[in-house]
C-alpha atoms as a PDB file:
ATOM      1  CA  MET A   1     119.132 164.237 188.236  1.00  0.00           C
ATOM      2  CA  ALA A   2     119.255 160.444 188.355  1.00  0.00           C
ATOM      3  CA  VAL A   3     116.006 158.930 189.657  1.00  0.00           C
ATOM      4  CA  LEU A   4     117.340 155.370 189.349  1.00  0.00           C
ATOM      5  CA  GLU A   5     120.909 154.151 189.830  1.00  0.00           C
ATOM      6  CA  VAL A   6     121.888 150.524 189.284  1.00  0.00           C
ATOM      7  CA  LYS A   7     125.485 149.941 190.356  1.00  0.00           C
ATOM      8  CA  HIS A   8     127.381 146.758 189.460  1.00  0.00           C
ATOM      9  CA  VAL A   9     124.331 144.588 190.078  1.00  0.00           C
ATOM     10  CA  SER A  10     124.558 140.822 189.650  1.00  0.00           C
ATOM     11  CA  LYS A  11     121.944 138.138 190.162  1.00  0.00           C
ATOM     12  CA  ILE A  12     122.927 134.487 190.416  1.00  0.00           C
ATOM     13  CA  TYR A  13     120.308 131.788 190.878  1.00  0.00           C
ATOM     14  CA  GLY A  14     121.595 128.794 192.817  1.00  0.00           C
ATOM     15  CA  GLY A  15     120.883 125.099 192.471  1.00  0.00           C
ATOM     16  CA  LYS A  16     122.772 122.225 190.936  1.00  0.00           C
ATOM     17  CA  ALA A  17     123.728 124.407 188.000  1.00  0.00           C
ATOM     18  CA  ALA A  18     124.062 128.030 189.084  1.00  0.00           C
ATOM     19  CA  ARG A  19     122.795 130.519 186.506  1.00  0.00           C
ATOM     20  CA  THR A  20     123.921 134.131 186.206  1.00  0.00           C
ATOM     21  CA  ALA A  21     120.891 136.178 185.200  1.00  0.00           C
ATOM     22  CA  LEU A  22     122.620 139.560 185.594  1.00  0.00           C
ATOM     23  CA  ASN A  23     126.349 140.169 185.457  1.00  0.00           C
ATOM     24  CA  HIS A  24     127.677 143.471 186.875  1.00  0.00           C
ATOM     25  CA  VAL A  25     125.012 145.689 185.312  1.00  0.00           C
ATOM     26  CA  SER A  26     125.264 149.435 185.841  1.00  0.00           C
ATOM     27  CA  LEU A  27     122.871 152.061 184.496  1.00  0.00           C
ATOM     28  CA  THR A  28     121.124 155.297 185.412  1.00  0.00           C
ATOM     29  CA  VAL A  29     117.717 156.677 184.477  1.00  0.00           C
ATOM     30  CA  GLU A  30     117.404 160.433 184.670  1.00  0.00           C
ATOM     31  CA  ASP A  31     114.332 162.303 185.878  1.00  0.00           C
ATOM     32  CA  GLY A  32     111.781 162.463 183.038  1.00  0.00           C
ATOM     33  CA  GLU A  33     113.500 159.880 180.814  1.00  0.00           C
ATOM     34  CA  PHE A  34     111.668 157.135 178.904  1.00  0.00           C
ATOM     35  CA  VAL A  35     114.129 154.243 178.676  1.00  0.00           C
ATOM     36  CA  GLY A  36     113.572 150.908 176.952  1.00  0.00           C
ATOM     37  CA  ILE A  37     115.364 147.635 177.638  1.00  0.00           C
ATOM     38  CA  MET A  38     115.617 145.072 174.859  1.00  0.00           C
ATOM     39  CA  GLY A  39     117.386 141.788 174.255  1.00  0.00           C
ATOM     40  CA  PRO A  40     116.768 138.122 173.475  1.00  0.00           C
ATOM     41  CA  SER A  41     114.703 135.982 175.830  1.00  0.00           C
ATOM     42  CA  GLY A  42     116.771 135.218 178.925  1.00  0.00           C
ATOM     43  CA  SER A  43     118.953 138.301 178.538  1.00  0.00           C
ATOM     44  CA  GLY A  44     118.002 139.600 181.998  1.00  0.00           C
ATOM     45  CA  LYS A  45     115.373 142.260 181.240  1.00  0.00           C
ATOM     46  CA  THR A  46     112.660 141.010 183.589  1.00  0.00           C
ATOM     47  CA  THR A  47     115.193 140.059 186.271  1.00  0.00           C
ATOM     48  CA  LEU A  48     116.425 143.651 186.292  1.00  0.00           C
ATOM     49  CA  LEU A  49     112.892 145.034 186.678  1.00  0.00           C
ATOM     50  CA  ASN A  50     112.158 142.536 189.464  1.00  0.00           C
ATOM     51  CA  LEU A  51     115.253 143.657 191.377  1.00  0.00           C
ATOM     52  CA  ILE A  52     114.288 147.319 191.040  1.00  0.00           C
ATOM     53  CA  ALA A  53     110.773 146.450 192.237  1.00  0.00           C
ATOM     54  CA  THR A  54     112.179 144.442 195.210  1.00  0.00           C
ATOM     55  CA  ILE A  55     110.360 141.342 193.950  1.00  0.00           C
ATOM     56  CA  ASP A  56     113.806 139.736 194.015  1.00  0.00           C
ATOM     57  CA  GLU A  57     117.113 140.477 195.776  1.00  0.00           C
ATOM     58  CA  PRO A  58     120.424 141.180 194.005  1.00  0.00           C
ATOM     59  CA  THR A  59     123.313 138.824 194.696  1.00  0.00           C
ATOM     60  CA  ALA A  60     125.765 141.715 194.500  1.00  0.00           C
ATOM     61  CA  GLY A  61     125.727 145.422 193.754  1.00  0.00           C
ATOM     62  CA  GLU A  62     123.367 148.209 194.705  1.00  0.00           C
ATOM     63  CA  ILE A  63     120.124 149.756 193.481  1.00  0.00           C
ATOM     64  CA  ARG A  64     119.079 153.273 194.478  1.00  0.00           C
ATOM     65  CA  LEU A  65     115.835 155.121 193.773  1.00  0.00           C
ATOM     66  CA  ASN A  66     116.049 158.808 194.640  1.00  0.00           C
ATOM     67  CA  GLY A  67     119.271 158.053 196.484  1.00  0.00           C
ATOM     68  CA  ALA A  68     117.877 155.328 198.781  1.00  0.00           C
ATOM     69  CA  ASN A  69     118.451 151.576 198.546  1.00  0.00           C
ATOM     70  CA  PRO A  70     115.032 149.849 198.710  1.00  0.00           C
ATOM     71  CA  HIS A  71     116.658 146.534 199.594  1.00  0.00           C
ATOM     72  CA  GLU A  72     117.807 147.969 202.944  1.00  0.00           C
ATOM     73  CA  ARG A  73     114.228 148.588 204.119  1.00  0.00           C
ATOM     74  CA  ASN A  74     112.131 146.462 206.438  1.00  0.00           C
ATOM     75  CA  GLU A  75     108.992 144.664 205.288  1.00  0.00           C
ATOM     76  CA  GLU A  76     106.628 147.545 206.003  1.00  0.00           C
ATOM     77  CA  GLU A  77     108.921 150.106 204.362  1.00  0.00           C
ATOM     78  CA  THR A  78     109.302 147.845 201.313  1.00  0.00           C
ATOM     79  CA  ALA A  79     105.513 147.618 200.953  1.00  0.00           C
ATOM     80  CA  MET A  80     105.317 151.419 201.093  1.00  0.00           C
ATOM     81  CA  TYR A  81     108.110 151.690 198.502  1.00  0.00           C
ATOM     82  CA  ARG A  82     106.218 149.485 196.065  1.00  0.00           C
ATOM     83  CA  ARG A  83     102.941 151.277 196.677  1.00  0.00           C
ATOM     84  CA  ARG A  84     104.111 154.907 196.709  1.00  0.00           C
ATOM     85  CA  GLU A  85     107.392 155.220 194.840  1.00  0.00           C
ATOM     86  CA  LEU A  86     106.886 152.720 192.003  1.00  0.00           C
ATOM     87  CA  GLY A  87     104.218 152.064 189.415  1.00  0.00           C
ATOM     88  CA  PHE A  88     104.232 148.691 187.665  1.00  0.00           C
ATOM     89  CA  VAL A  89     102.495 147.738 184.406  1.00  0.00           C
ATOM     90  CA  PHE A  90     102.479 144.053 183.456  1.00  0.00           C
ATOM     91  CA  GLN A  91     101.862 142.140 180.234  1.00  0.00           C
ATOM     92  CA  GLN A  92      98.950 140.302 181.875  1.00  0.00           C
ATOM     93  CA  PHE A  93      97.269 143.513 183.185  1.00  0.00           C
ATOM     94  CA  HIS A  94      96.672 142.024 186.700  1.00  0.00           C
ATOM     95  CA  LEU A  95      93.361 143.807 187.160  1.00  0.00           C
ATOM     96  CA  LEU A  96      91.027 142.354 189.797  1.00  0.00           C
ATOM     97  CA  ASP A  97      88.050 140.758 188.039  1.00  0.00           C
ATOM     98  CA  THR A  98      85.624 141.465 190.891  1.00  0.00           C
ATOM     99  CA  LEU A  99      86.287 145.209 190.892  1.00  0.00           C
ATOM    100  CA  THR A 100      85.123 147.805 188.377  1.00  0.00           C
ATOM    101  CA  VAL A 101      87.622 149.861 186.408  1.00  0.00           C
ATOM    102  CA  GLU A 102      87.131 152.741 188.820  1.00  0.00           C
ATOM    103  CA  GLU A 103      87.662 150.473 191.852  1.00  0.00           C
ATOM    104  CA  ASN A 104      90.783 148.893 190.323  1.00  0.00           C
ATOM    105  CA  ILE A 105      92.328 152.296 189.705  1.00  0.00           C
ATOM    106  CA  ALA A 106      91.406 153.530 193.190  1.00  0.00           C
ATOM    107  CA  LEU A 107      92.852 150.478 194.953  1.00  0.00           C
ATOM    108  CA  PRO A 108      96.321 151.966 195.707  1.00  0.00           C
ATOM    109  CA  LEU A 109      94.631 155.033 197.193  1.00  0.00           C
ATOM    110  CA  VAL A 110      92.296 152.907 199.318  1.00  0.00           C
ATOM    111  CA  LEU A 111      95.270 150.929 200.639  1.00  0.00           C
ATOM    112  CA  ASP A 112      97.001 154.213 201.440  1.00  0.00           C
ATOM    113  CA  GLY A 113      94.017 155.560 203.389  1.00  0.00           C
ATOM    114  CA  VAL A 114      93.307 158.471 201.033  1.00  0.00           C
ATOM    115  CA  ALA A 115      89.970 160.157 201.835  1.00  0.00           C
ATOM    116  CA  ALA A 116      87.123 158.980 199.591  1.00  0.00           C
ATOM    117  CA  ALA A 117      86.368 162.412 198.109  1.00  0.00           C
ATOM    118  CA  GLN A 118      90.016 163.057 197.268  1.00  0.00           C
ATOM    119  CA  ALA A 119      90.412 159.548 195.807  1.00  0.00           C
ATOM    120  CA  GLU A 120      87.331 160.039 193.616  1.00  0.00           C
ATOM    121  CA  THR A 121      88.726 163.296 192.250  1.00  0.00           C
ATOM    122  CA  MET A 122      92.127 161.704 191.540  1.00  0.00           C
ATOM    123  CA  VAL A 123      90.596 158.673 189.840  1.00  0.00           C
ATOM    124  CA  GLN A 124      88.307 160.811 187.687  1.00  0.00           C
ATOM    125  CA  GLY A 125      91.266 162.941 186.632  1.00  0.00           C
ATOM    126  CA  VAL A 126      93.429 160.014 185.565  1.00  0.00           C
ATOM    127  CA  MET A 127      90.551 158.272 183.762  1.00  0.00           C
ATOM    128  CA  ASP A 128      89.828 161.456 181.814  1.00  0.00           C
ATOM    129  CA  LYS A 129      93.506 161.809 180.951  1.00  0.00           C
ATOM    130  CA  LEU A 130      93.780 158.210 179.734  1.00  0.00           C
ATOM    131  CA  GLY A 131      90.497 158.203 177.843  1.00  0.00           C
ATOM    132  CA  ILE A 132      88.678 155.528 179.864  1.00  0.00           C
ATOM    133  CA  ALA A 133      86.168 157.603 181.834  1.00  0.00           C
ATOM    134  CA  GLY A 134      83.340 155.940 179.936  1.00  0.00           C
ATOM    135  CA  SER A 135      84.416 152.525 181.248  1.00  0.00           C
ATOM    136  CA  ARG A 136      84.443 153.419 184.954  1.00  0.00           C
ATOM    137  CA  GLU A 137      81.555 151.094 185.931  1.00  0.00           C
ATOM    138  CA  GLN A 138      82.639 148.212 183.705  1.00  0.00           C
ATOM    139  CA  PHE A 139      84.469 145.102 184.889  1.00  0.00           C
ATOM    140  CA  PRO A 140      87.757 143.970 183.289  1.00  0.00           C
ATOM    141  CA  ILE A 141      86.055 141.068 181.473  1.00  0.00           C
ATOM    142  CA  GLU A 142      83.945 143.631 179.598  1.00  0.00           C
ATOM    143  CA  LEU A 143      86.956 145.544 178.267  1.00  0.00           C
ATOM    144  CA  SER A 144      89.187 145.131 175.237  1.00  0.00           C
ATOM    145  CA  GLY A 145      92.870 144.404 175.788  1.00  0.00           C
ATOM    146  CA  GLY A 146      93.780 148.001 175.066  1.00  0.00           C
ATOM    147  CA  GLN A 147      91.227 149.299 177.552  1.00  0.00           C
ATOM    148  CA  MET A 148      92.455 146.863 180.203  1.00  0.00           C
ATOM    149  CA  GLN A 149      96.026 148.046 179.739  1.00  0.00           C
ATOM    150  CA  ARG A 150      94.910 151.683 179.951  1.00  0.00           C
ATOM    151  CA  ALA A 151      93.173 150.865 183.237  1.00  0.00           C
ATOM    152  CA  ALA A 152      96.339 149.116 184.448  1.00  0.00           C
ATOM    153  CA  VAL A 153      98.427 152.168 183.522  1.00  0.00           C
ATOM    154  CA  ALA A 154      95.944 154.413 185.331  1.00  0.00           C
ATOM    155  CA  ARG A 155      96.250 152.305 188.479  1.00  0.00           C
ATOM    156  CA  ALA A 156     100.058 152.386 188.202  1.00  0.00           C
ATOM    157  CA  ILE A 157     100.282 156.181 187.965  1.00  0.00           C
ATOM    158  CA  ILE A 158      97.389 157.230 190.227  1.00  0.00           C
ATOM    159  CA  HIS A 159      99.790 158.030 193.082  1.00  0.00           C
ATOM    160  CA  ARG A 160     102.383 159.820 190.891  1.00  0.00           C
ATOM    161  CA  PRO A 161     105.245 157.357 191.367  1.00  0.00           C
ATOM    162  CA  TYR A 162     108.874 158.388 190.999  1.00  0.00           C
ATOM    163  CA  LEU A 163     109.402 155.577 188.485  1.00  0.00           C
ATOM    164  CA  LEU A 164     107.018 153.665 186.230  1.00  0.00           C
ATOM    165  CA  LEU A 165     108.185 150.128 185.410  1.00  0.00           C
ATOM    166  CA  ALA A 166     106.598 148.332 182.445  1.00  0.00           C
ATOM    167  CA  ASP A 167     107.283 144.692 181.558  1.00  0.00           C
ATOM    168  CA  GLU A 168     106.152 143.850 178.010  1.00  0.00           C
ATOM    169  CA  PRO A 169     103.129 146.194 178.267  1.00  0.00           C
ATOM    170  CA  THR A 170     102.066 145.514 174.655  1.00  0.00           C
ATOM    171  CA  GLY A 171     102.727 141.760 174.724  1.00  0.00           C
ATOM    172  CA  ASN A 172      99.032 140.788 174.854  1.00  0.00           C
ATOM    173  CA  LEU A 173      97.721 143.470 172.492  1.00  0.00           C
ATOM    174  CA  ASP A 174      97.045 143.586 168.772  1.00  0.00           C
ATOM    175  CA  SER A 175      99.032 146.085 166.721  1.00  0.00           C
ATOM    176  CA  LYS A 176      96.387 148.842 166.880  1.00  0.00           C
ATOM    177  CA  ALA A 177      95.926 148.585 170.657  1.00  0.00           C
ATOM    178  CA  ALA A 178      99.695 148.317 171.131  1.00  0.00           C
ATOM    179  CA  ARG A 179     100.235 151.537 169.189  1.00  0.00           C
ATOM    180  CA  GLU A 180      97.555 153.330 171.216  1.00  0.00           C
ATOM    181  CA  VAL A 181      99.083 152.174 174.506  1.00  0.00           C
ATOM    182  CA  MET A 182     102.570 153.247 173.416  1.00  0.00           C
ATOM    183  CA  GLU A 183     101.225 156.638 172.337  1.00  0.00           C
ATOM    184  CA  LEU A 184      99.790 156.875 175.847  1.00  0.00           C
ATOM    185  CA  PHE A 185     103.182 156.074 177.408  1.00  0.00           C
ATOM    186  CA  GLY A 186     104.778 158.680 175.153  1.00  0.00           C
ATOM    187  CA  LYS A 187     102.187 161.279 176.124  1.00  0.00           C
ATOM    188  CA  LEU A 188     102.628 160.574 179.842  1.00  0.00           C
ATOM    189  CA  ASN A 189     106.376 160.967 179.467  1.00  0.00           C
ATOM    190  CA  GLU A 190     106.190 164.114 177.371  1.00  0.00           C
ATOM    191  CA  GLU A 191     103.371 165.946 179.166  1.00  0.00           C
ATOM    192  CA  GLU A 192     103.611 164.566 182.707  1.00  0.00           C
ATOM    193  CA  LYS A 193     107.393 163.969 182.723  1.00  0.00           C
ATOM    194  CA  MET A 194     106.687 160.407 183.889  1.00  0.00           C
ATOM    195  CA  THR A 195     110.043 158.675 184.333  1.00  0.00           C
ATOM    196  CA  THR A 196     109.612 155.253 182.717  1.00  0.00           C
ATOM    197  CA  LEU A 197     111.688 152.085 182.342  1.00  0.00           C
ATOM    198  CA  MET A 198     110.165 149.532 179.959  1.00  0.00           C
ATOM    199  CA  ALA A 199     111.276 146.024 179.004  1.00  0.00           C
ATOM    200  CA  THR A 200     110.001 144.955 175.588  1.00  0.00           C
ATOM    201  CA  HIS A 201     110.599 142.581 172.685  1.00  0.00           C
ATOM    202  CA  ASP A 202     108.774 144.899 170.293  1.00  0.00           C
ATOM    203  CA  PRO A 203     110.899 147.358 168.293  1.00  0.00           C
ATOM    204  CA  VAL A 204     107.814 149.435 167.465  1.00  0.00           C
ATOM    205  CA  ALA A 205     107.111 149.874 171.187  1.00  0.00           C
ATOM    206  CA  ALA A 206     110.781 150.617 171.847  1.00  0.00           C
ATOM    207  CA  SER A 207     110.787 153.327 169.175  1.00  0.00           C
ATOM    208  CA  TYR A 208     108.621 155.472 171.465  1.00  0.00           C
ATOM    209  CA  CYS A 209     111.445 155.616 174.035  1.00  0.00           C
ATOM    210  CA  SER A 210     114.050 158.348 174.210  1.00  0.00           C
ATOM    211  CA  ARG A 211     116.814 155.782 174.768  1.00  0.00           C
ATOM    212  CA  VAL A 212     117.052 152.009 174.439  1.00  0.00           C
ATOM    213  CA  LEU A 213     119.468 149.757 176.335  1.00  0.00           C
ATOM    214  CA  PHE A 214     120.284 146.365 174.826  1.00  0.00           C
ATOM    215  CA  MET A 215     121.101 143.351 176.976  1.00  0.00           C
ATOM    216  CA  LYS A 216     122.637 139.988 176.147  1.00  0.00           C
ATOM    217  CA  ASP A 217     123.573 137.148 178.501  1.00  0.00           C
ATOM    218  CA  GLY A 218     122.910 139.261 181.579  1.00  0.00           C
ATOM    219  CA  ARG A 219     125.105 142.164 180.508  1.00  0.00           C
ATOM    220  CA  LEU A 220     124.474 145.555 178.956  1.00  0.00           C
ATOM    221  CA  TYR A 221     125.504 145.257 175.324  1.00  0.00           C
ATOM    222  CA  ASN A 222     124.885 148.710 173.891  1.00  0.00           C
ATOM    223  CA  GLU A 223     122.549 151.705 173.933  1.00  0.00           C
ATOM    224  CA  ILE A 224     121.124 154.041 171.311  1.00  0.00           C
ATOM    225  CA  TYR A 225     119.309 157.373 171.510  1.00  0.00           C
ATOM    226  CA  ARG A 226     116.232 158.360 169.553  1.00  0.00           C
ATOM    227  CA  GLY A 227     117.045 161.720 168.012  1.00  0.00           C
ATOM    228  CA  GLU A 228     114.518 163.534 165.830  1.00  0.00           C
ATOM    229  CA  SER A 229     113.196 160.684 163.655  1.00  0.00           C
ATOM    230  CA  ARG A 230     111.270 157.776 165.185  1.00  0.00           C
ATOM    231  CA  GLN A 231     111.419 155.959 161.822  1.00  0.00           C
ATOM    232  CA  SER A 232     115.220 156.095 161.839  1.00  0.00           C
ATOM    233  CA  PHE A 233     115.283 155.080 165.502  1.00  0.00           C
ATOM    234  CA  PHE A 234     113.050 152.097 164.708  1.00  0.00           C
ATOM    235  CA  GLN A 235     115.445 150.974 161.971  1.00  0.00           C
ATOM    236  CA  ASN A 236     118.435 151.389 164.286  1.00  0.00           C
ATOM    237  CA  ILE A 237     116.661 149.208 166.860  1.00  0.00           C
ATOM    238  CA  ILE A 238     116.034 146.511 164.230  1.00  0.00           C
ATOM    239  CA  ASP A 239     119.692 146.628 163.207  1.00  0.00           C
ATOM    240  CA  MET A 240     120.857 146.302 166.805  1.00  0.00           C
ATOM    241  CA  LEU A 241     118.514 143.373 167.471  1.00  0.00           C
ATOM    242  CA  SER A 242     119.882 141.586 164.417  1.00  0.00           C
ATOM    243  CA  LEU A 243     123.372 141.906 165.901  1.00  0.00           C
ATOM    244  CA  LEU A 244     122.164 140.536 169.222  1.00  0.00           C
ATOM    245  CA  GLY A 245     120.458 137.512 167.694  1.00  0.00           C
ATOM    246  CA  GLY A 246     117.790 135.615 169.617  1.00  0.00           C
ATOM    247  CA  ASP A 247     114.342 134.247 168.923  1.00  0.00           C
ATOM    248  CA  SER A 248     112.144 135.378 166.050  1.00  0.00           C
ATOM    249  CA  VAL A 249     109.769 136.875 168.637  1.00  0.00           C
ATOM    250  CA  ASP A 250     112.334 139.629 169.099  1.00  0.00           C
ATOM    251  CA  PHE A 251     111.432 141.002 165.674  1.00  0.00           C
ATOM    252  CA  SER A 252     108.116 142.596 164.860  1.00  0.00           C
ATOM    253  CA  SER A 253     106.401 142.409 161.505  1.00  0.00           C
ATOM    254  CA  VAL A 254     104.563 145.609 162.383  1.00  0.00           C
ATOM    255  CA  ARG A 255     105.894 148.786 160.816  1.00  0.00           C
ATOM    256  CA  LEU A 256     105.413 152.357 161.904  1.00  0.00           C
END
């Protein structure tokens, strides 16, 4: 069953020189899939995630999550969509400095009016699962980058969203922390069946996905599937990126 359907979506930014960020993009993400999106800078990866998250509006086409178009909802319904149906993990973590790890993770539940006892149980469960229970009383400034991203992932999944969106989730992490975070994403997908769509420049991160879509100049260029060997998948990703071209940042010196 398709959780996400993107149908002929375009995004054109106006101004003196109009720019087409997305050009008739169509894709589906099935329930339980872990899909990566790759491509050179400016290829449209983040624009696509922003449209799915209703941070931006498509110029043409349609987006559906569980069969409903989030862009047809009113302001209150859109806020509920972002809070209940989506989880979002950012490169910059976006944790609130004045809240502890536990309070950051609980924030979506507090906003949703979940009873304190139930929220505490849910938060404890997700912290145990993600290996950050020992950091519950710490503030973000006291954490490593990997711990901060784990806390951000915990906050994003605390309400069991239909779709987890991740935009460069390893972009601010060293190679060890990046690997640990990607192993966490893989575990969530495998054990929790967390449907995930991740934009990344990093072929190592992308090799944890079950399928990778490649974008160029606002269009879908190609897609490849993982198969049995992550090493082979990693090499196929490198080969595809070399065909796409782009900045040197698109290629990682880190190996599996």
